[in-house]
């Protein structure tokens, strides 16, 4: 089981159960798939997605979670340990300088 942990700029912690699998779509790696999902979300303009760098889809694609550049994102395993840090690159650099985040 996977959990997506988001920490917002206001230091809110939001945990979402992703179940046993998820798909990570990043704008810089797969722009075509990113654009398809943006259309499904009815975000048809660059302005609507300017702060979104990717999406996590789960529940066989039925659920979509946008990933915002100014938040921290961690995929956690069922044991509570970090499986993957999927934060935007600029936030990962911030975490390296400020390890308490």
N, C-alpha and C. Protein backbone atom coordinates (compact mmCIF):
# COMPACT_ATOMS: atom_id res chain seq x y z
N UNK A 1 0.84 -1.18 0.00
CA UNK A 1 0.00 0.00 0.00
C UNK A 1 0.89 1.25 0.00
N UNK A 2 0.49 2.25 -0.75
CA UNK A 2 1.21 3.52 -0.82
C UNK A 2 0.33 4.66 -0.33
N UNK A 3 0.96 5.64 0.27
CA UNK A 3 0.30 6.86 0.72
C UNK A 3 1.06 8.03 0.14
N UNK A 4 0.35 9.01 -0.39
CA UNK A 4 0.98 10.23 -0.87
C UNK A 4 0.86 11.28 0.23
N UNK A 5 1.99 11.74 0.72
CA UNK A 5 2.02 12.78 1.76
C UNK A 5 2.40 14.10 1.11
N UNK A 6 1.50 15.07 1.24
CA UNK A 6 1.76 16.42 0.73
C UNK A 6 1.94 17.35 1.93
N UNK A 7 2.98 18.16 1.89
CA UNK A 7 3.17 19.20 2.89
C UNK A 7 3.09 20.53 2.14
N UNK A 8 2.07 21.31 2.49
CA UNK A 8 1.79 22.56 1.79
C UNK A 8 2.71 23.67 2.29
N UNK A 9 2.75 24.80 1.58
CA UNK A 9 3.55 25.94 2.05
C UNK A 9 3.12 26.44 3.43
N UNK A 10 1.88 26.16 3.81
CA UNK A 10 1.37 26.56 5.12
C UNK A 10 1.64 25.50 6.19
N UNK A 11 2.43 24.49 5.83
CA UNK A 11 2.81 23.37 6.71
C UNK A 11 1.66 22.44 7.07
N UNK A 12 0.62 22.41 6.25
CA UNK A 12 -0.43 21.41 6.41
C UNK A 12 0.08 20.10 5.85
N UNK A 13 -0.22 19.01 6.52
CA UNK A 13 0.17 17.68 6.05
C UNK A 13 -1.09 16.95 5.61
N UNK A 14 -1.11 16.55 4.35
CA UNK A 14 -2.27 15.87 3.78
C UNK A 14 -1.82 14.50 3.29
N UNK A 15 -2.46 13.45 3.79
CA UNK A 15 -2.12 12.08 3.41
C UNK A 15 -3.27 11.48 2.61
N UNK A 16 -2.94 10.93 1.46
CA UNK A 16 -3.94 10.31 0.59
C UNK A 16 -3.52 8.89 0.29
N UNK A 17 -4.42 7.94 0.53
CA UNK A 17 -4.12 6.54 0.24
C UNK A 17 -4.15 6.31 -1.26
N UNK A 18 -3.05 5.80 -1.80
CA UNK A 18 -2.95 5.51 -3.23
C UNK A 18 -3.24 4.04 -3.53
N UNK A 19 -3.45 3.23 -2.51
CA UNK A 19 -3.68 1.79 -2.62
C UNK A 19 -2.37 1.10 -3.02
N UNK A 20 -2.43 0.11 -3.91
CA UNK A 20 -1.24 -0.70 -4.19
C UNK A 20 -0.44 -0.24 -5.41
N UNK A 21 -0.99 0.68 -6.20
CA UNK A 21 -0.23 1.18 -7.35
C UNK A 21 -0.64 2.60 -7.68
N UNK A 22 0.28 3.31 -8.30
CA UNK A 22 0.02 4.67 -8.74
C UNK A 22 0.84 4.92 -10.00
N UNK A 23 0.45 5.96 -10.73
CA UNK A 23 1.19 6.35 -11.93
C UNK A 23 1.61 7.80 -11.74
N UNK A 24 2.89 8.07 -11.93
CA UNK A 24 3.44 9.42 -11.82
C UNK A 24 3.67 9.97 -13.22
N UNK A 25 3.03 11.10 -13.52
CA UNK A 25 3.18 11.75 -14.82
C UNK A 25 3.78 13.12 -14.57
N UNK A 26 4.98 13.35 -15.08
CA UNK A 26 5.66 14.63 -14.91
C UNK A 26 5.68 15.40 -16.22
N UNK A 27 5.37 16.69 -16.14
CA UNK A 27 5.30 17.54 -17.33
C UNK A 27 6.61 17.51 -18.12
N UNK A 28 7.75 17.55 -17.43
CA UNK A 28 9.04 17.62 -18.13
C UNK A 28 9.43 16.30 -18.77
N UNK A 29 8.87 15.20 -18.33
CA UNK A 29 9.22 13.89 -18.89
C UNK A 29 8.24 13.38 -19.93
N UNK A 30 6.95 13.75 -19.77
CA UNK A 30 5.93 13.24 -20.69
C UNK A 30 4.86 14.30 -20.88
N UNK A 31 5.19 15.32 -21.66
CA UNK A 31 4.28 16.46 -21.89
C UNK A 31 2.97 16.02 -22.52
N UNK A 32 3.02 15.04 -23.41
CA UNK A 32 1.80 14.59 -24.09
C UNK A 32 0.81 13.99 -23.08
N UNK A 33 1.28 13.12 -22.21
CA UNK A 33 0.41 12.52 -21.20
C UNK A 33 -0.05 13.57 -20.18
N UNK A 34 0.84 14.49 -19.82
CA UNK A 34 0.49 15.58 -18.91
C UNK A 34 -0.67 16.40 -19.50
N UNK A 35 -0.57 16.73 -20.79
CA UNK A 35 -1.62 17.50 -21.45
C UNK A 35 -2.94 16.74 -21.51
N UNK A 36 -2.89 15.42 -21.72
CA UNK A 36 -4.12 14.60 -21.73
C UNK A 36 -4.82 14.68 -20.38
N UNK A 37 -4.05 14.54 -19.32
CA UNK A 37 -4.63 14.58 -17.98
C UNK A 37 -5.15 15.98 -17.67
N UNK A 38 -4.43 17.01 -18.09
CA UNK A 38 -4.88 18.39 -17.88
C UNK A 38 -6.24 18.61 -18.54
N UNK A 39 -6.43 18.04 -19.73
CA UNK A 39 -7.73 18.17 -20.41
C UNK A 39 -8.82 17.43 -19.64
N UNK A 40 -8.48 16.26 -19.10
CA UNK A 40 -9.46 15.53 -18.27
C UNK A 40 -9.86 16.36 -17.05
N UNK A 41 -8.90 17.10 -16.51
CA UNK A 41 -9.16 17.95 -15.35
C UNK A 41 -9.84 19.26 -15.75
N UNK A 42 -10.00 19.44 -17.06
CA UNK A 42 -10.57 20.66 -17.65
C UNK A 42 -9.70 21.88 -17.38
N UNK A 43 -8.39 21.65 -17.38
CA UNK A 43 -7.40 22.72 -17.27
C UNK A 43 -6.76 22.84 -18.64
N UNK A 44 -7.36 23.62 -19.53
CA UNK A 44 -6.96 23.66 -20.93
C UNK A 44 -5.88 24.69 -21.25
N UNK A 45 -5.49 25.52 -20.30
CA UNK A 45 -4.54 26.58 -20.61
C UNK A 45 -3.25 26.42 -19.82
N UNK A 46 -2.20 27.03 -20.34
CA UNK A 46 -0.92 27.04 -19.62
C UNK A 46 -1.08 27.75 -18.28
N UNK A 47 -1.90 28.77 -18.25
CA UNK A 47 -2.14 29.53 -17.00
C UNK A 47 -2.73 28.62 -15.92
N UNK A 48 -3.64 27.75 -16.30
CA UNK A 48 -4.29 26.86 -15.33
C UNK A 48 -3.31 25.86 -14.72
N UNK A 49 -2.28 25.50 -15.48
CA UNK A 49 -1.32 24.49 -15.00
C UNK A 49 0.06 25.07 -14.71
N UNK A 50 0.17 26.39 -14.61
CA UNK A 50 1.51 27.00 -14.47
C UNK A 50 2.24 26.54 -13.21
N UNK A 51 1.54 26.24 -12.12
CA UNK A 51 2.18 25.79 -10.88
C UNK A 51 2.13 24.27 -10.71
N UNK A 52 1.59 23.57 -11.70
CA UNK A 52 1.48 22.11 -11.64
C UNK A 52 2.62 21.50 -12.45
N UNK A 53 3.40 20.63 -11.82
CA UNK A 53 4.52 20.01 -12.54
C UNK A 53 4.26 18.55 -12.85
N UNK A 54 3.15 18.03 -12.35
CA UNK A 54 2.84 16.63 -12.63
C UNK A 54 1.53 16.21 -12.01
N UNK A 55 1.21 14.93 -12.20
CA UNK A 55 0.01 14.33 -11.63
C UNK A 55 0.34 12.95 -11.11
N UNK A 56 -0.37 12.55 -10.09
CA UNK A 56 -0.36 11.16 -9.64
C UNK A 56 -1.76 10.64 -9.89
N UNK A 57 -1.84 9.53 -10.64
CA UNK A 57 -3.14 8.89 -10.82
C UNK A 57 -3.13 7.58 -10.03
N UNK A 58 -4.31 7.23 -9.50
CA UNK A 58 -4.42 6.01 -8.70
C UNK A 58 -5.84 5.50 -8.78
N UNK A 59 -6.12 4.37 -8.16
CA UNK A 59 -7.41 3.69 -8.28
C UNK A 59 -7.73 3.42 -9.75
N UNK A 60 -6.76 2.81 -10.43
CA UNK A 60 -6.90 2.47 -11.86
C UNK A 60 -7.20 3.70 -12.72
N UNK A 61 -6.64 4.84 -12.34
CA UNK A 61 -6.82 6.06 -13.12
C UNK A 61 -8.07 6.84 -12.80
N UNK A 62 -8.89 6.33 -11.87
CA UNK A 62 -10.14 7.01 -11.52
C UNK A 62 -9.90 8.28 -10.72
N UNK A 63 -8.78 8.34 -9.99
CA UNK A 63 -8.47 9.50 -9.18
C UNK A 63 -7.17 10.14 -9.67
N UNK A 64 -7.17 11.48 -9.67
CA UNK A 64 -6.02 12.25 -10.14
C UNK A 64 -5.68 13.29 -9.09
N UNK A 65 -4.40 13.35 -8.74
CA UNK A 65 -3.92 14.34 -7.78
C UNK A 65 -2.88 15.22 -8.48
N UNK A 66 -3.16 16.53 -8.63
CA UNK A 66 -2.15 17.41 -9.21
C UNK A 66 -1.00 17.62 -8.23
N UNK A 67 0.19 17.81 -8.76
CA UNK A 67 1.37 18.07 -7.95
C UNK A 67 1.79 19.52 -8.18
N UNK A 68 1.77 20.31 -7.12
CA UNK A 68 2.07 21.74 -7.20
C UNK A 68 3.53 22.01 -6.83
N UNK A 69 4.16 22.91 -7.57
CA UNK A 69 5.58 23.19 -7.41
C UNK A 69 5.96 23.64 -6.00
N UNK A 70 5.07 24.32 -5.28
CA UNK A 70 5.44 24.89 -3.99
C UNK A 70 5.11 23.98 -2.80
N UNK A 71 4.76 22.73 -3.06
CA UNK A 71 4.50 21.76 -1.99
C UNK A 71 5.56 20.66 -2.03
N UNK A 72 5.70 19.97 -0.92
CA UNK A 72 6.58 18.80 -0.84
C UNK A 72 5.71 17.56 -0.95
N UNK A 73 6.18 16.55 -1.69
CA UNK A 73 5.43 15.31 -1.88
C UNK A 73 6.32 14.11 -1.62
N UNK A 74 5.79 13.18 -0.82
CA UNK A 74 6.51 11.96 -0.51
C UNK A 74 5.55 10.79 -0.68
N UNK A 75 6.00 9.76 -1.38
CA UNK A 75 5.24 8.51 -1.44
C UNK A 75 5.76 7.66 -0.30
N UNK A 76 4.84 7.26 0.57
CA UNK A 76 5.19 6.49 1.76
C UNK A 76 4.72 5.04 1.58
N UNK A 77 5.51 4.12 2.08
CA UNK A 77 5.12 2.71 2.07
C UNK A 77 4.23 2.40 3.26
N UNK A 78 3.70 1.19 3.30
CA UNK A 78 2.81 0.80 4.40
C UNK A 78 3.53 0.76 5.74
N UNK A 79 4.86 0.70 5.71
CA UNK A 79 5.64 0.71 6.96
C UNK A 79 5.91 2.13 7.46
N UNK A 80 5.43 3.15 6.73
CA UNK A 80 5.62 4.53 7.14
C UNK A 80 6.91 5.16 6.65
N UNK A 81 7.74 4.39 5.98
CA UNK A 81 9.01 4.92 5.47
C UNK A 81 8.79 5.56 4.10
N UNK A 82 9.65 6.53 3.79
CA UNK A 82 9.56 7.19 2.49
C UNK A 82 10.00 6.23 1.40
N UNK A 83 9.11 6.00 0.43
CA UNK A 83 9.42 5.17 -0.73
C UNK A 83 10.07 6.03 -1.80
N UNK A 84 9.53 7.26 -1.98
CA UNK A 84 10.05 8.14 -3.02
C UNK A 84 9.71 9.59 -2.69
N UNK A 85 10.67 10.47 -2.93
CA UNK A 85 10.43 11.91 -2.82
C UNK A 85 10.11 12.38 -4.23
N UNK A 86 8.86 12.78 -4.46
CA UNK A 86 8.47 13.21 -5.80
C UNK A 86 8.21 14.71 -5.85
N UNK A 87 8.80 15.44 -4.89
CA UNK A 87 8.69 16.90 -4.89
C UNK A 87 9.36 17.46 -6.14
N UNK A 88 8.92 18.66 -6.53
CA UNK A 88 9.55 19.35 -7.65
C UNK A 88 11.02 19.56 -7.34
N UNK A 89 11.85 19.59 -8.36
CA UNK A 89 13.30 19.70 -8.18
C UNK A 89 13.70 20.88 -7.30
N UNK A 90 13.04 22.03 -7.46
CA UNK A 90 13.42 23.19 -6.64
C UNK A 90 13.10 22.96 -5.16
N UNK A 91 12.06 22.17 -4.86
CA UNK A 91 11.72 21.88 -3.48
C UNK A 91 12.70 20.85 -2.90
N UNK A 92 13.18 19.92 -3.72
CA UNK A 92 14.17 18.95 -3.24
C UNK A 92 15.48 19.67 -2.88
N UNK A 93 15.85 20.67 -3.68
CA UNK A 93 17.04 21.46 -3.36
C UNK A 93 16.84 22.20 -2.04
N UNK A 94 15.64 22.72 -1.82
CA UNK A 94 15.32 23.41 -0.56
C UNK A 94 15.43 22.43 0.61
N UNK A 95 14.97 21.20 0.44
CA UNK A 95 15.04 20.20 1.50
C UNK A 95 16.50 19.87 1.84
N UNK A 96 17.37 19.87 0.84
CA UNK A 96 18.78 19.59 1.10
C UNK A 96 19.41 20.67 1.97
N UNK A 97 19.00 21.93 1.77
CA UNK A 97 19.54 23.04 2.53
C UNK A 97 18.86 23.14 3.90
N UNK A 98 17.58 22.74 3.97
CA UNK A 98 16.79 22.80 5.21
C UNK A 98 16.31 21.40 5.56
N UNK A 99 17.14 20.57 6.14
CA UNK A 99 16.79 19.15 6.33
C UNK A 99 15.65 18.87 7.29
N UNK A 100 15.13 19.86 7.99
CA UNK A 100 14.02 19.61 8.91
C UNK A 100 12.69 19.57 8.21
N UNK A 101 12.64 19.91 6.91
CA UNK A 101 11.39 19.91 6.15
C UNK A 101 10.94 18.49 5.93
